[in-house]
Amino acid sequence: MKPLILRVPVALGALLAATLLTYAQLRPQEEPAPRLKRSQIEAILKDDHKKSLEDATVMLKLSEELKMELEKGGTHTLSLSALKKAEEIEKLAKRIRGRLRRF
C-alpha cells in the first residue's frame, strides 16, 4: 500500500488535468481575425487622420481657453471649468494617440 502523501499529489494532478481538458473543450474556439485589404487599411488611416486633425483643432482651442483662464485666476485658485477643460484636453490627446498606434 502506498503512503497517503504520494496519493494526494497524483489525485490533485489528475483532477487538474481533467478540469483543464474539460475547459478547453467547452471554451468556444476563436476564429482568426480577418485580414484587411490594403485599400481598407488606407481608408481607415485616411479617416483616422481626418478625425485626429479635428480633435487637434478642438484641443488647441481648449488649451488656449485654459491658458486664458489660468492667467486670469490667482495662484491659489482653480476654476471648475479650467479643470474640465484640462480633462477634455487629456481625453482628446489619448484618443489621438490611440489612433496613431492602431497600425
N, C-alpha and C. Protein backbone atom coordinates (compact mmCIF):
# COMPACT_ATOMS: atom_id res chain seq x y z
N MET A 1 0.84 -1.18 0.00
CA MET A 1 0.00 0.00 0.00
C MET A 1 0.89 1.24 0.00
N LYS A 2 0.56 2.23 -0.90
CA LYS A 2 1.35 3.45 -1.00
C LYS A 2 0.97 4.39 0.14
N PRO A 3 1.94 5.17 0.57
CA PRO A 3 1.61 6.14 1.62
C PRO A 3 0.64 7.20 1.09
N LEU A 4 -0.12 7.75 1.98
CA LEU A 4 -1.13 8.76 1.64
C LEU A 4 -0.50 10.01 1.04
N ILE A 5 0.72 10.32 1.42
CA ILE A 5 1.39 11.53 0.96
C ILE A 5 1.59 11.48 -0.55
N LEU A 6 1.87 10.34 -1.13
CA LEU A 6 2.11 10.22 -2.56
C LEU A 6 0.80 10.21 -3.35
N ARG A 7 -0.27 9.70 -2.77
CA ARG A 7 -1.53 9.62 -3.49
C ARG A 7 -2.21 10.98 -3.66
N VAL A 8 -2.06 11.88 -2.74
CA VAL A 8 -2.74 13.17 -2.79
C VAL A 8 -2.25 14.01 -3.98
N PRO A 9 -0.91 14.18 -4.20
CA PRO A 9 -0.49 14.97 -5.36
C PRO A 9 -0.89 14.34 -6.69
N VAL A 10 -0.89 13.03 -6.77
CA VAL A 10 -1.30 12.36 -8.00
C VAL A 10 -2.78 12.60 -8.26
N ALA A 11 -3.58 12.51 -7.22
CA ALA A 11 -5.01 12.76 -7.37
C ALA A 11 -5.28 14.21 -7.75
N LEU A 12 -4.56 15.14 -7.14
CA LEU A 12 -4.75 16.54 -7.48
C LEU A 12 -4.31 16.82 -8.92
N GLY A 13 -3.23 16.20 -9.35
CA GLY A 13 -2.75 16.37 -10.72
C GLY A 13 -3.77 15.84 -11.72
N ALA A 14 -4.35 14.68 -11.42
CA ALA A 14 -5.36 14.11 -12.31
C ALA A 14 -6.60 14.99 -12.36
N LEU A 15 -7.00 15.51 -11.21
CA LEU A 15 -8.15 16.40 -11.16
C LEU A 15 -7.90 17.69 -11.95
N LEU A 16 -6.70 18.25 -11.81
CA LEU A 16 -6.34 19.45 -12.55
C LEU A 16 -6.33 19.19 -14.05
N ALA A 17 -5.77 18.07 -14.47
CA ALA A 17 -5.72 17.73 -15.89
C ALA A 17 -7.13 17.56 -16.46
N ALA A 18 -8.01 16.90 -15.71
CA ALA A 18 -9.38 16.69 -16.17
C ALA A 18 -10.12 18.03 -16.28
N THR A 19 -9.88 18.91 -15.32
CA THR A 19 -10.53 20.22 -15.33
C THR A 19 -10.07 21.04 -16.53
N LEU A 20 -8.76 21.05 -16.79
CA LEU A 20 -8.23 21.80 -17.92
C LEU A 20 -8.73 21.24 -19.25
N LEU A 21 -8.82 19.93 -19.36
CA LEU A 21 -9.30 19.30 -20.58
C LEU A 21 -10.76 19.67 -20.82
N THR A 22 -11.57 19.64 -19.78
CA THR A 22 -12.97 20.00 -19.90
C THR A 22 -13.12 21.47 -20.29
N TYR A 23 -12.32 22.35 -19.68
CA TYR A 23 -12.38 23.78 -20.00
C TYR A 23 -12.00 24.02 -21.46
N ALA A 24 -10.97 23.32 -21.94
CA ALA A 24 -10.52 23.51 -23.32
C ALA A 24 -11.60 23.05 -24.30
N GLN A 25 -12.34 22.03 -23.94
CA GLN A 25 -13.38 21.53 -24.83
C GLN A 25 -14.62 22.43 -24.81
N LEU A 26 -14.92 23.03 -23.68
CA LEU A 26 -16.12 23.86 -23.57
C LEU A 26 -15.91 25.27 -24.08
N ARG A 27 -14.66 25.75 -24.05
CA ARG A 27 -14.37 27.12 -24.48
C ARG A 27 -14.60 27.25 -25.98
N PRO A 28 -15.32 28.28 -26.40
CA PRO A 28 -15.55 28.43 -27.84
C PRO A 28 -14.23 28.68 -28.56
N GLN A 29 -14.09 28.07 -29.69
CA GLN A 29 -12.88 28.24 -30.48
C GLN A 29 -12.88 29.62 -31.12
N GLU A 30 -11.78 30.32 -30.98
CA GLU A 30 -11.68 31.66 -31.54
C GLU A 30 -11.27 31.56 -33.00
N GLU A 31 -12.00 32.30 -33.80
CA GLU A 31 -11.66 32.34 -35.22
C GLU A 31 -10.64 33.45 -35.42
N PRO A 32 -9.68 33.24 -36.29
CA PRO A 32 -8.70 34.31 -36.53
C PRO A 32 -9.38 35.53 -37.14
N ALA A 33 -8.90 36.68 -36.76
CA ALA A 33 -9.48 37.92 -37.29
C ALA A 33 -9.20 38.01 -38.78
N PRO A 34 -10.20 38.43 -39.54
CA PRO A 34 -9.97 38.53 -40.99
C PRO A 34 -8.94 39.61 -41.29
N ARG A 35 -8.09 39.33 -42.25
CA ARG A 35 -7.07 40.29 -42.63
C ARG A 35 -7.69 41.38 -43.50
N LEU A 36 -7.28 42.59 -43.26
CA LEU A 36 -7.81 43.71 -44.02
C LEU A 36 -7.02 43.88 -45.31
N LYS A 37 -7.72 44.31 -46.33
CA LYS A 37 -7.06 44.60 -47.60
C LYS A 37 -6.36 45.94 -47.49
N ARG A 38 -5.40 46.14 -48.36
CA ARG A 38 -4.62 47.39 -48.34
C ARG A 38 -5.52 48.61 -48.53
N SER A 39 -6.51 48.50 -49.40
CA SER A 39 -7.41 49.63 -49.63
C SER A 39 -8.24 49.94 -48.38
N GLN A 40 -8.62 48.89 -47.63
CA GLN A 40 -9.37 49.11 -46.40
C GLN A 40 -8.50 49.80 -45.35
N ILE A 41 -7.24 49.38 -45.25
CA ILE A 41 -6.32 50.00 -44.31
C ILE A 41 -6.11 51.46 -44.66
N GLU A 42 -5.94 51.73 -45.95
CA GLU A 42 -5.76 53.13 -46.40
C GLU A 42 -6.97 53.97 -46.06
N ALA A 43 -8.18 53.42 -46.24
CA ALA A 43 -9.40 54.17 -45.93
C ALA A 43 -9.49 54.45 -44.43
N ILE A 44 -9.14 53.47 -43.62
CA ILE A 44 -9.16 53.64 -42.16
C ILE A 44 -8.15 54.70 -41.74
N LEU A 45 -6.94 54.63 -42.30
CA LEU A 45 -5.91 55.60 -41.96
C LEU A 45 -6.31 57.02 -42.37
N LYS A 46 -6.93 57.14 -43.54
CA LYS A 46 -7.38 58.45 -44.02
C LYS A 46 -8.44 59.03 -43.09
N ASP A 47 -9.39 58.19 -42.67
CA ASP A 47 -10.44 58.62 -41.76
C ASP A 47 -9.85 58.98 -40.39
N ASP A 48 -8.92 58.16 -39.92
CA ASP A 48 -8.27 58.45 -38.63
C ASP A 48 -7.52 59.77 -38.68
N HIS A 49 -6.85 60.04 -39.79
CA HIS A 49 -6.11 61.29 -39.94
C HIS A 49 -7.06 62.49 -39.87
N LYS A 50 -8.19 62.37 -40.55
CA LYS A 50 -9.18 63.45 -40.56
C LYS A 50 -9.72 63.69 -39.14
N LYS A 51 -10.06 62.61 -38.43
CA LYS A 51 -10.57 62.74 -37.07
C LYS A 51 -9.52 63.30 -36.13
N SER A 52 -8.26 62.89 -36.32
CA SER A 52 -7.18 63.40 -35.47
C SER A 52 -6.97 64.89 -35.68
N LEU A 53 -7.07 65.36 -36.92
CA LEU A 53 -6.96 66.79 -37.19
C LEU A 53 -8.09 67.57 -36.54
N GLU A 54 -9.31 67.03 -36.61
CA GLU A 54 -10.44 67.69 -35.98
C GLU A 54 -10.25 67.75 -34.46
N ASP A 55 -9.82 66.64 -33.88
CA ASP A 55 -9.59 66.60 -32.43
C ASP A 55 -8.46 67.55 -32.02
N ALA A 56 -7.42 67.63 -32.85
CA ALA A 56 -6.31 68.54 -32.54
C ALA A 56 -6.76 69.99 -32.59
N THR A 57 -7.66 70.31 -33.51
CA THR A 57 -8.20 71.67 -33.59
C THR A 57 -8.99 72.01 -32.33
N VAL A 58 -9.82 71.08 -31.90
CA VAL A 58 -10.60 71.29 -30.67
C VAL A 58 -9.66 71.39 -29.47
N MET A 59 -8.64 70.54 -29.45
CA MET A 59 -7.69 70.55 -28.35
C MET A 59 -6.93 71.88 -28.28
N LEU A 60 -6.57 72.42 -29.44
CA LEU A 60 -5.88 73.71 -29.49
C LEU A 60 -6.77 74.82 -28.94
N LYS A 61 -8.04 74.82 -29.34
CA LYS A 61 -8.99 75.83 -28.86
C LYS A 61 -9.14 75.73 -27.34
N LEU A 62 -9.30 74.49 -26.85
CA LEU A 62 -9.46 74.30 -25.41
C LEU A 62 -8.21 74.71 -24.64
N SER A 63 -7.05 74.42 -25.20
CA SER A 63 -5.82 74.78 -24.49
C SER A 63 -5.63 76.29 -24.43
N GLU A 64 -6.03 77.00 -25.48
CA GLU A 64 -5.96 78.47 -25.45
C GLU A 64 -6.92 79.04 -24.41
N GLU A 65 -8.13 78.47 -24.34
CA GLU A 65 -9.10 78.91 -23.33
C GLU A 65 -8.59 78.60 -21.93
N LEU A 66 -7.98 77.43 -21.77
CA LEU A 66 -7.45 77.05 -20.46
C LEU A 66 -6.32 77.99 -20.05
N LYS A 67 -5.48 78.36 -20.98
CA LYS A 67 -4.38 79.28 -20.68
C LYS A 67 -4.92 80.63 -20.22
N MET A 68 -5.95 81.12 -20.92
CA MET A 68 -6.53 82.40 -20.54
C MET A 68 -7.14 82.33 -19.14
N GLU A 69 -7.82 81.22 -18.83
CA GLU A 69 -8.43 81.07 -17.51
C GLU A 69 -7.37 81.01 -16.42
N LEU A 70 -6.27 80.32 -16.71
CA LEU A 70 -5.20 80.22 -15.72
C LEU A 70 -4.52 81.57 -15.50
N GLU A 71 -4.35 82.33 -16.57
CA GLU A 71 -3.76 83.67 -16.44
C GLU A 71 -4.69 84.61 -15.69
N LYS A 72 -5.99 84.45 -15.89
CA LYS A 72 -6.99 85.31 -15.26
C LYS A 72 -7.10 85.01 -13.76
N GLY A 73 -6.98 83.75 -13.39
CA GLY A 73 -7.13 83.36 -11.99
C GLY A 73 -5.89 83.65 -11.18
N GLY A 74 -6.02 83.52 -9.88
CA GLY A 74 -4.89 83.75 -8.97
C GLY A 74 -4.03 82.50 -8.86
N THR A 75 -3.00 82.62 -8.05
CA THR A 75 -2.07 81.49 -7.91
C THR A 75 -2.68 80.34 -7.11
N HIS A 76 -3.61 80.65 -6.23
CA HIS A 76 -4.19 79.60 -5.38
C HIS A 76 -5.65 79.29 -5.73
N THR A 77 -6.08 79.70 -6.90
CA THR A 77 -7.46 79.43 -7.29
C THR A 77 -7.49 78.51 -8.50
N LEU A 78 -8.50 77.70 -8.54
CA LEU A 78 -8.69 76.78 -9.66
C LEU A 78 -10.17 76.75 -9.97
N SER A 79 -10.52 77.12 -11.18
CA SER A 79 -11.93 77.11 -11.54
C SER A 79 -12.32 75.71 -12.00
N LEU A 80 -13.56 75.40 -11.79
CA LEU A 80 -14.07 74.09 -12.19
C LEU A 80 -14.04 73.94 -13.71
N SER A 81 -14.30 75.02 -14.42
CA SER A 81 -14.28 74.95 -15.88
C SER A 81 -12.86 74.71 -16.40
N ALA A 82 -11.85 75.26 -15.72
CA ALA A 82 -10.46 75.02 -16.12
C ALA A 82 -10.11 73.54 -15.94
N LEU A 83 -10.57 72.96 -14.86
CA LEU A 83 -10.32 71.54 -14.61
C LEU A 83 -11.01 70.67 -15.66
N LYS A 84 -12.24 71.02 -16.01
CA LYS A 84 -12.96 70.27 -17.03
C LYS A 84 -12.29 70.39 -18.39
N LYS A 85 -11.78 71.57 -18.71
CA LYS A 85 -11.08 71.75 -19.98
C LYS A 85 -9.79 70.94 -20.02
N ALA A 86 -9.08 70.90 -18.91
CA ALA A 86 -7.85 70.10 -18.84
C ALA A 86 -8.16 68.62 -19.03
N GLU A 87 -9.24 68.14 -18.43
CA GLU A 87 -9.64 66.74 -18.59
C GLU A 87 -10.05 66.45 -20.03
N GLU A 88 -10.75 67.38 -20.66
CA GLU A 88 -11.16 67.19 -22.05
C GLU A 88 -9.93 67.18 -22.98
N ILE A 89 -8.95 68.04 -22.70
CA ILE A 89 -7.71 68.04 -23.49
C ILE A 89 -7.01 66.70 -23.36
N GLU A 90 -6.96 66.18 -22.14
CA GLU A 90 -6.32 64.88 -21.91
C GLU A 90 -7.05 63.76 -22.66
N LYS A 91 -8.37 63.80 -22.63
CA LYS A 91 -9.17 62.79 -23.33
C LYS A 91 -8.92 62.83 -24.84
N LEU A 92 -8.88 64.03 -25.39
CA LEU A 92 -8.62 64.18 -26.82
C LEU A 92 -7.21 63.71 -27.18
N ALA A 93 -6.25 64.03 -26.33
CA ALA A 93 -4.87 63.59 -26.60
C ALA A 93 -4.76 62.07 -26.58
N LYS A 94 -5.44 61.42 -25.65
CA LYS A 94 -5.42 59.95 -25.59
C LYS A 94 -6.10 59.35 -26.81
N ARG A 95 -7.17 59.97 -27.27
CA ARG A 95 -7.87 59.48 -28.45
C ARG A 95 -6.97 59.57 -29.69
N ILE A 96 -6.28 60.70 -29.82
CA ILE A 96 -5.36 60.87 -30.96
C ILE A 96 -4.23 59.85 -30.87
N ARG A 97 -3.66 59.68 -29.68
CA ARG A 97 -2.57 58.71 -29.50
C ARG A 97 -3.04 57.29 -29.85
N GLY A 98 -4.25 56.95 -29.46
CA GLY A 98 -4.78 55.63 -29.78
C GLY A 98 -4.91 55.41 -31.28
N ARG A 99 -5.33 56.44 -31.99
CA ARG A 99 -5.43 56.32 -33.44
C ARG A 99 -4.05 56.17 -34.08
N LEU A 100 -3.07 56.90 -33.56
CA LEU A 100 -1.73 56.82 -34.13
C LEU A 100 -1.09 55.46 -33.90
N ARG A 101 -1.44 54.79 -32.83
CA ARG A 101 -0.85 53.49 -32.51
C ARG A 101 -1.60 52.32 -33.15
N ARG A 102 -2.69 52.56 -33.82
CA ARG A 102 -3.52 51.48 -34.34
C ARG A 102 -2.79 50.56 -35.29
N PHE A 103 -2.08 51.09 -36.26
CA PHE A 103 -1.41 50.24 -37.25
C PHE A 103 0.06 50.34 -37.14
